[in-house]
């Protein structure tokens, strides 16, 4: 587990823009299975590509005119049961962190794995996420 002084600023970067933290497997299950509509789930991390690419990209994407109904996050390496449960809904994908996943009516509709985030500029990632919002949200 990572120390709070490292984790908390990473958490805050998302919660300050409205993300709800899911810290237990039960919370993840309720969020994904319990609601219709669209939900953005970010698998947060302390790694450099989360700090330099994923979190800034999500911030930019959420400035778009079409956004998901709900935005949530789990923290890899810290909230291990919640993260494992979230990944169980990302069928056919290799577990990665960071990751950006869009669910529609409880089904995975779109996902960016770490290898699709790492080394890319936030603006480029945000552009891809906005396209997913346009395709899956607001229908």
N, C-alpha and C. Protein backbone atom coordinates (compact mmCIF):
# COMPACT_ATOMS: atom_id res chain seq x y z
N UNK A 1 0.84 -1.18 0.00
CA UNK A 1 0.00 0.00 0.00
C UNK A 1 0.88 1.24 0.00
N UNK A 2 0.40 2.26 -0.67
CA UNK A 2 1.13 3.51 -0.76
C UNK A 2 0.77 4.42 0.42
N UNK A 3 1.70 5.26 0.84
CA UNK A 3 1.39 6.18 1.95
C UNK A 3 0.38 7.25 1.53
N UNK A 4 -0.41 7.69 2.51
CA UNK A 4 -1.46 8.68 2.25
C UNK A 4 -0.93 9.96 1.62
N UNK A 5 0.26 10.37 2.00
CA UNK A 5 0.79 11.63 1.46
C UNK A 5 1.06 11.55 -0.03
N UNK A 6 1.18 10.36 -0.56
CA UNK A 6 1.32 10.18 -2.01
C UNK A 6 -0.05 9.98 -2.64
N UNK A 7 -0.88 9.19 -2.02
CA UNK A 7 -2.18 8.81 -2.58
C UNK A 7 -3.19 9.96 -2.56
N UNK A 8 -3.27 10.67 -1.44
CA UNK A 8 -4.33 11.68 -1.30
C UNK A 8 -4.33 12.75 -2.37
N UNK A 9 -3.19 13.31 -2.78
CA UNK A 9 -3.25 14.29 -3.87
C UNK A 9 -3.74 13.69 -5.19
N UNK A 10 -3.43 12.42 -5.42
CA UNK A 10 -3.90 11.74 -6.63
C UNK A 10 -5.41 11.54 -6.57
N UNK A 11 -5.91 11.17 -5.42
CA UNK A 11 -7.36 11.04 -5.22
C UNK A 11 -8.04 12.38 -5.41
N UNK A 12 -7.48 13.40 -4.75
CA UNK A 12 -8.08 14.74 -4.76
C UNK A 12 -8.19 15.30 -6.18
N UNK A 13 -7.24 14.98 -7.01
CA UNK A 13 -7.26 15.50 -8.38
C UNK A 13 -8.54 15.10 -9.11
N UNK A 14 -9.09 13.95 -8.78
CA UNK A 14 -10.35 13.51 -9.39
C UNK A 14 -11.56 13.90 -8.56
N UNK A 15 -11.49 13.73 -7.26
CA UNK A 15 -12.67 14.04 -6.44
C UNK A 15 -13.00 15.54 -6.48
N UNK A 16 -12.01 16.38 -6.64
CA UNK A 16 -12.25 17.82 -6.69
C UNK A 16 -13.02 18.23 -7.95
N UNK A 17 -13.05 17.37 -8.96
CA UNK A 17 -13.82 17.69 -10.17
C UNK A 17 -15.09 16.85 -10.25
N UNK A 18 -15.46 16.24 -9.11
CA UNK A 18 -16.75 15.58 -9.04
C UNK A 18 -16.77 14.07 -9.08
N UNK A 19 -15.61 13.43 -9.15
CA UNK A 19 -15.58 11.97 -9.15
C UNK A 19 -15.96 11.43 -7.78
N UNK A 20 -16.74 10.38 -7.79
CA UNK A 20 -17.12 9.66 -6.58
C UNK A 20 -16.14 8.50 -6.42
N UNK A 21 -15.55 8.39 -5.26
CA UNK A 21 -14.64 7.27 -5.00
C UNK A 21 -15.44 6.02 -4.63
N UNK A 22 -15.10 4.92 -5.26
CA UNK A 22 -15.66 3.62 -4.90
C UNK A 22 -14.54 2.87 -4.20
N UNK A 23 -14.71 2.60 -2.91
CA UNK A 23 -13.60 2.06 -2.12
C UNK A 23 -13.79 0.61 -1.74
N UNK A 24 -14.98 0.04 -2.04
CA UNK A 24 -15.23 -1.36 -1.73
C UNK A 24 -15.79 -2.07 -2.96
N UNK A 25 -15.67 -3.37 -2.96
CA UNK A 25 -16.22 -4.17 -4.06
C UNK A 25 -17.73 -3.99 -4.16
N UNK A 26 -18.38 -3.91 -3.01
CA UNK A 26 -19.82 -3.71 -2.99
C UNK A 26 -20.23 -2.39 -3.64
N UNK A 27 -19.49 -1.33 -3.35
CA UNK A 27 -19.78 -0.03 -3.97
C UNK A 27 -19.63 -0.10 -5.49
N UNK A 28 -18.61 -0.80 -5.95
CA UNK A 28 -18.40 -0.95 -7.39
C UNK A 28 -19.56 -1.73 -8.01
N UNK A 29 -19.91 -2.83 -7.41
CA UNK A 29 -21.00 -3.65 -7.93
C UNK A 29 -22.30 -2.85 -8.01
N UNK A 30 -22.63 -2.13 -6.98
CA UNK A 30 -23.84 -1.32 -6.97
C UNK A 30 -23.80 -0.26 -8.06
N UNK A 31 -22.66 0.38 -8.21
CA UNK A 31 -22.52 1.44 -9.22
C UNK A 31 -22.69 0.90 -10.63
N UNK A 32 -22.08 -0.23 -10.91
CA UNK A 32 -22.10 -0.75 -12.27
C UNK A 32 -23.41 -1.49 -12.57
N UNK A 33 -23.85 -2.29 -11.65
CA UNK A 33 -25.04 -3.10 -11.90
C UNK A 33 -26.34 -2.38 -11.53
N UNK A 34 -26.25 -1.40 -10.65
CA UNK A 34 -27.44 -0.83 -10.06
C UNK A 34 -28.07 0.34 -10.79
N UNK A 35 -27.45 0.81 -11.85
CA UNK A 35 -27.98 2.00 -12.50
C UNK A 35 -27.97 1.85 -14.00
N UNK A 36 -28.95 2.49 -14.63
CA UNK A 36 -28.92 2.58 -16.08
C UNK A 36 -28.23 3.89 -16.44
N UNK A 37 -27.94 4.05 -17.69
CA UNK A 37 -27.25 5.25 -18.14
C UNK A 37 -25.78 5.01 -18.33
N UNK A 38 -25.03 6.09 -18.37
CA UNK A 38 -23.60 5.99 -18.65
C UNK A 38 -22.78 6.37 -17.42
N UNK A 39 -21.64 5.72 -17.30
CA UNK A 39 -20.76 5.96 -16.16
C UNK A 39 -19.31 5.85 -16.61
N UNK A 40 -18.55 6.87 -16.31
CA UNK A 40 -17.12 6.86 -16.56
C UNK A 40 -16.43 6.36 -15.30
N UNK A 41 -15.59 5.34 -15.45
CA UNK A 41 -14.84 4.80 -14.32
C UNK A 41 -13.36 4.94 -14.64
N UNK A 42 -12.64 5.62 -13.77
CA UNK A 42 -11.20 5.79 -13.94
C UNK A 42 -10.51 4.93 -12.89
N UNK A 43 -9.62 4.06 -13.36
CA UNK A 43 -8.75 3.32 -12.46
C UNK A 43 -7.54 4.23 -12.23
N UNK A 44 -7.51 4.83 -11.07
CA UNK A 44 -6.48 5.80 -10.71
C UNK A 44 -5.22 5.08 -10.23
N UNK A 45 -4.12 5.80 -10.24
CA UNK A 45 -2.85 5.21 -9.86
C UNK A 45 -1.88 6.32 -9.45
N UNK A 46 -0.81 5.94 -8.77
CA UNK A 46 0.23 6.90 -8.41
C UNK A 46 1.28 7.03 -9.52
N UNK A 47 1.18 6.26 -10.57
CA UNK A 47 2.21 6.25 -11.61
C UNK A 47 2.25 7.56 -12.41
N UNK A 48 3.33 7.76 -13.09
CA UNK A 48 3.53 8.98 -13.87
C UNK A 48 2.54 9.15 -15.00
N UNK A 49 2.13 8.06 -15.65
CA UNK A 49 1.20 8.23 -16.76
C UNK A 49 -0.21 8.55 -16.27
N UNK A 50 -0.53 8.22 -15.04
CA UNK A 50 -1.81 8.66 -14.46
C UNK A 50 -1.73 10.16 -14.17
N UNK A 51 -0.60 10.59 -13.60
CA UNK A 51 -0.44 12.00 -13.24
C UNK A 51 -0.28 12.90 -14.46
N UNK A 52 0.49 12.46 -15.42
CA UNK A 52 0.81 13.31 -16.56
C UNK A 52 -0.13 13.18 -17.73
N UNK A 53 -0.88 12.08 -17.80
CA UNK A 53 -1.73 11.86 -18.97
C UNK A 53 -3.19 11.57 -18.62
N UNK A 54 -3.44 10.53 -17.83
CA UNK A 54 -4.82 10.07 -17.61
C UNK A 54 -5.68 11.09 -16.87
N UNK A 55 -5.25 11.54 -15.70
CA UNK A 55 -6.07 12.48 -14.93
C UNK A 55 -6.26 13.80 -15.66
N UNK A 56 -5.21 14.38 -16.24
CA UNK A 56 -5.43 15.61 -17.01
C UNK A 56 -6.36 15.39 -18.22
N UNK A 57 -6.25 14.25 -18.87
CA UNK A 57 -7.10 13.96 -20.03
C UNK A 57 -8.56 13.85 -19.63
N UNK A 58 -8.83 13.20 -18.51
CA UNK A 58 -10.20 13.06 -18.03
C UNK A 58 -10.77 14.43 -17.69
N UNK A 59 -9.97 15.27 -17.05
CA UNK A 59 -10.41 16.64 -16.73
C UNK A 59 -10.82 17.37 -18.00
N UNK A 60 -10.00 17.28 -19.04
CA UNK A 60 -10.30 17.94 -20.31
C UNK A 60 -11.54 17.34 -20.96
N UNK A 61 -11.66 16.04 -20.94
CA UNK A 61 -12.80 15.38 -21.58
C UNK A 61 -14.11 15.78 -20.93
N UNK A 62 -14.09 16.00 -19.63
CA UNK A 62 -15.32 16.35 -18.92
C UNK A 62 -15.76 17.80 -19.16
N UNK A 63 -14.97 18.55 -19.90
CA UNK A 63 -15.37 19.89 -20.32
C UNK A 63 -16.22 19.84 -21.58
N UNK A 64 -16.38 18.65 -22.14
CA UNK A 64 -17.13 18.44 -23.38
C UNK A 64 -18.62 18.68 -23.14
N UNK A 65 -19.34 18.97 -24.20
CA UNK A 65 -20.78 19.24 -24.07
C UNK A 65 -21.58 17.98 -23.74
N UNK A 66 -21.09 16.82 -24.12
CA UNK A 66 -21.74 15.55 -23.81
C UNK A 66 -20.85 14.78 -22.86
N UNK A 67 -21.38 14.45 -21.68
CA UNK A 67 -20.59 13.72 -20.69
C UNK A 67 -21.45 12.60 -20.09
N UNK A 68 -20.81 11.65 -19.40
CA UNK A 68 -21.56 10.56 -18.77
C UNK A 68 -22.46 11.06 -17.64
N UNK A 69 -23.43 10.23 -17.30
CA UNK A 69 -24.36 10.54 -16.21
C UNK A 69 -23.66 10.53 -14.85
N UNK A 70 -22.65 9.70 -14.72
CA UNK A 70 -21.98 9.52 -13.43
C UNK A 70 -20.49 9.33 -13.68
N UNK A 71 -19.66 9.85 -12.77
CA UNK A 71 -18.21 9.67 -12.87
C UNK A 71 -17.70 9.12 -11.55
N UNK A 72 -16.97 8.00 -11.64
CA UNK A 72 -16.48 7.31 -10.45
C UNK A 72 -15.02 6.91 -10.65
N UNK A 73 -14.39 6.55 -9.54
CA UNK A 73 -13.00 6.13 -9.60
C UNK A 73 -12.70 5.07 -8.55
N UNK A 74 -11.77 4.20 -8.88
CA UNK A 74 -11.17 3.26 -7.93
C UNK A 74 -9.67 3.53 -7.96
N UNK A 75 -8.98 3.13 -6.89
CA UNK A 75 -7.55 3.42 -6.81
C UNK A 75 -6.76 2.12 -6.76
N UNK A 76 -6.04 1.84 -7.85
CA UNK A 76 -5.23 0.62 -7.94
C UNK A 76 -4.10 0.67 -6.93
N UNK A 77 -3.81 -0.46 -6.31
CA UNK A 77 -2.73 -0.55 -5.34
C UNK A 77 -3.11 -0.04 -3.97
N UNK A 78 -4.32 0.47 -3.81
CA UNK A 78 -4.77 0.98 -2.52
C UNK A 78 -6.10 0.32 -2.16
N UNK A 79 -7.10 0.56 -2.97
CA UNK A 79 -8.42 -0.05 -2.75
C UNK A 79 -8.49 -1.31 -3.61
N UNK A 80 -7.77 -2.34 -3.17
CA UNK A 80 -7.54 -3.50 -4.01
C UNK A 80 -8.81 -4.28 -4.34
N UNK A 81 -9.71 -4.45 -3.37
CA UNK A 81 -10.94 -5.20 -3.64
C UNK A 81 -11.84 -4.43 -4.61
N UNK A 82 -11.94 -3.13 -4.44
CA UNK A 82 -12.75 -2.31 -5.34
C UNK A 82 -12.17 -2.34 -6.75
N UNK A 83 -10.86 -2.24 -6.84
CA UNK A 83 -10.21 -2.26 -8.15
C UNK A 83 -10.39 -3.61 -8.82
N UNK A 84 -10.22 -4.68 -8.09
CA UNK A 84 -10.42 -6.03 -8.66
C UNK A 84 -11.85 -6.20 -9.15
N UNK A 85 -12.81 -5.72 -8.37
CA UNK A 85 -14.21 -5.83 -8.78
C UNK A 85 -14.47 -5.01 -10.04
N UNK A 86 -13.95 -3.79 -10.10
CA UNK A 86 -14.11 -2.96 -11.29
C UNK A 86 -13.51 -3.65 -12.51
N UNK A 87 -12.34 -4.21 -12.36
CA UNK A 87 -11.69 -4.90 -13.47
C UNK A 87 -12.47 -6.13 -13.91
N UNK A 88 -13.22 -6.74 -13.01
CA UNK A 88 -14.01 -7.92 -13.39
C UNK A 88 -15.10 -7.58 -14.40
N UNK A 89 -15.48 -6.32 -14.48
CA UNK A 89 -16.48 -5.87 -15.45
C UNK A 89 -15.84 -5.44 -16.77
N UNK A 90 -14.54 -5.39 -16.79
CA UNK A 90 -13.80 -5.00 -18.00
C UNK A 90 -13.36 -6.26 -18.72
N UNK A 91 -14.33 -7.05 -19.12
CA UNK A 91 -14.08 -8.36 -19.69
C UNK A 91 -13.28 -8.27 -20.99
N UNK A 92 -12.40 -9.24 -21.14
CA UNK A 92 -11.58 -9.30 -22.34
C UNK A 92 -10.42 -8.32 -22.35
N UNK A 93 -10.20 -7.63 -21.25
CA UNK A 93 -9.13 -6.64 -21.18
C UNK A 93 -8.12 -7.06 -20.12
N UNK A 94 -6.87 -6.77 -20.38
CA UNK A 94 -5.82 -7.03 -19.40
C UNK A 94 -5.92 -5.97 -18.31
N UNK A 95 -5.86 -6.36 -17.04
CA UNK A 95 -5.91 -5.36 -15.96
C UNK A 95 -4.79 -4.34 -16.13
N UNK A 96 -5.16 -3.09 -16.05
CA UNK A 96 -4.14 -2.05 -16.17
C UNK A 96 -4.52 -0.85 -15.31
N UNK A 97 -3.50 -0.12 -14.96
CA UNK A 97 -3.72 1.15 -14.28
C UNK A 97 -2.62 2.10 -14.76
N UNK A 98 -3.02 3.27 -15.14
CA UNK A 98 -4.39 3.75 -15.12
C UNK A 98 -5.21 3.13 -16.25
N UNK A 99 -6.50 3.34 -16.15
CA UNK A 99 -7.42 2.93 -17.22
C UNK A 99 -8.62 3.87 -17.17
N UNK A 100 -9.21 4.07 -18.33
CA UNK A 100 -10.40 4.91 -18.45
C UNK A 100 -11.46 4.06 -19.13
N UNK A 101 -12.57 3.81 -18.42
CA UNK A 101 -13.61 2.92 -18.95
C UNK A 101 -14.95 3.64 -18.92
N UNK A 102 -15.71 3.44 -19.98
CA UNK A 102 -17.06 3.99 -20.07
C UNK A 102 -18.04 2.83 -20.10
N UNK A 103 -18.98 2.85 -19.17
CA UNK A 103 -20.01 1.83 -19.09
C UNK A 103 -21.34 2.42 -19.52
N UNK A 104 -22.11 1.62 -20.21
CA UNK A 104 -23.47 2.02 -20.58
C UNK A 104 -24.41 0.93 -20.14
N UNK A 105 -25.35 1.28 -19.27
CA UNK A 105 -26.31 0.31 -18.72
C UNK A 105 -25.60 -0.92 -18.15
N UNK A 106 -24.50 -0.69 -17.46
CA UNK A 106 -23.77 -1.76 -16.79
C UNK A 106 -22.84 -2.57 -17.66
N UNK A 107 -22.73 -2.22 -18.93
CA UNK A 107 -21.86 -2.95 -19.86
C UNK A 107 -20.71 -2.06 -20.31
N UNK A 108 -19.54 -2.66 -20.42
CA UNK A 108 -18.38 -1.91 -20.89
C UNK A 108 -18.61 -1.49 -22.35
N UNK A 109 -18.58 -0.20 -22.60
CA UNK A 109 -18.81 0.32 -23.95
C UNK A 109 -17.53 0.82 -24.60
N UNK A 110 -16.55 1.23 -23.78
CA UNK A 110 -15.33 1.83 -24.31
C UNK A 110 -14.27 1.78 -23.22
N UNK A 111 -13.02 1.58 -23.63
CA UNK A 111 -11.95 1.55 -22.64
C UNK A 111 -10.62 1.92 -23.24
N UNK A 112 -9.87 2.69 -22.48
CA UNK A 112 -8.47 2.96 -22.78
C UNK A 112 -7.63 2.29 -21.71
N UNK A 113 -6.79 1.36 -22.14
CA UNK A 113 -5.86 0.68 -21.24
C UNK A 113 -4.61 1.54 -21.07
N UNK A 114 -3.79 1.14 -20.13
CA UNK A 114 -2.54 1.85 -19.87
C UNK A 114 -1.72 2.05 -21.14
N UNK A 115 -1.61 1.00 -21.96
CA UNK A 115 -0.77 1.13 -23.17
C UNK A 115 -1.36 2.13 -24.17
N UNK A 116 -2.63 2.48 -24.02
CA UNK A 116 -3.26 3.47 -24.89
C UNK A 116 -3.20 4.88 -24.28
N UNK A 117 -2.70 4.96 -23.07
CA UNK A 117 -2.58 6.23 -22.33
C UNK A 117 -1.11 6.64 -22.24
N UNK A 118 -0.28 5.68 -21.90
CA UNK A 118 1.14 5.91 -21.64
C UNK A 118 1.83 6.59 -22.82
N UNK A 119 2.53 7.68 -22.53
CA UNK A 119 3.31 8.37 -23.55
C UNK A 119 2.52 9.30 -24.45
N UNK A 120 1.21 9.44 -24.21
CA UNK A 120 0.38 10.32 -25.03
C UNK A 120 0.08 11.61 -24.28
N UNK A 121 -0.15 12.65 -25.03
CA UNK A 121 -0.53 13.94 -24.46
C UNK A 121 -1.98 13.90 -23.99
N UNK A 122 -2.29 14.58 -22.89
CA UNK A 122 -3.66 14.60 -22.38
C UNK A 122 -4.69 15.04 -23.42
N UNK A 123 -4.35 16.01 -24.25
CA UNK A 123 -5.28 16.51 -25.25
C UNK A 123 -5.67 15.42 -26.26
N UNK A 124 -4.72 14.61 -26.62
CA UNK A 124 -4.98 13.51 -27.56
C UNK A 124 -5.88 12.44 -26.94
N UNK A 125 -5.60 12.12 -25.70
CA UNK A 125 -6.42 11.13 -24.99
C UNK A 125 -7.84 11.69 -24.79
N UNK A 126 -7.93 12.95 -24.40
CA UNK A 126 -9.23 13.58 -24.18
C UNK A 126 -10.05 13.57 -25.46
N UNK A 127 -9.42 13.76 -26.58
CA UNK A 127 -10.13 13.73 -27.87
C UNK A 127 -10.77 12.36 -28.09
N UNK A 128 -10.04 11.30 -27.79
CA UNK A 128 -10.58 9.94 -27.92
C UNK A 128 -11.75 9.72 -26.96
N UNK A 129 -11.60 10.19 -25.73
CA UNK A 129 -12.65 10.01 -24.72
C UNK A 129 -13.89 10.80 -25.11
N UNK A 130 -13.72 12.00 -25.62
CA UNK A 130 -14.87 12.80 -26.07
C UNK A 130 -15.63 12.10 -27.20
N UNK A 131 -14.90 11.47 -28.09
CA UNK A 131 -15.56 10.71 -29.17
C UNK A 131 -16.40 9.58 -28.58
N UNK A 132 -15.88 8.94 -27.56
CA UNK A 132 -16.65 7.88 -26.88
C UNK A 132 -17.88 8.46 -26.20
N UNK A 133 -17.74 9.63 -25.59
CA UNK A 133 -18.90 10.30 -24.98
C UNK A 133 -19.96 10.58 -26.04
N UNK A 134 -19.52 11.12 -27.17
CA UNK A 134 -20.47 11.42 -28.26
C UNK A 134 -21.19 10.17 -28.74
N UNK A 135 -20.47 9.08 -28.79
CA UNK A 135 -21.05 7.83 -29.30
C UNK A 135 -22.00 7.16 -28.29
N UNK A 136 -21.64 7.19 -27.02
CA UNK A 136 -22.37 6.39 -26.03
C UNK A 136 -23.21 7.18 -25.04
N UNK A 137 -22.96 8.46 -24.89
CA UNK A 137 -23.70 9.27 -23.90
C UNK A 137 -24.71 10.16 -24.62
N UNK A 138 -25.74 10.48 -23.95
CA UNK A 138 -26.71 11.41 -24.49
C UNK A 138 -27.61 10.87 -25.58
N UNK A 139 -27.64 9.56 -25.73
CA UNK A 139 -28.51 8.97 -26.74
C UNK A 139 -29.92 8.89 -26.24
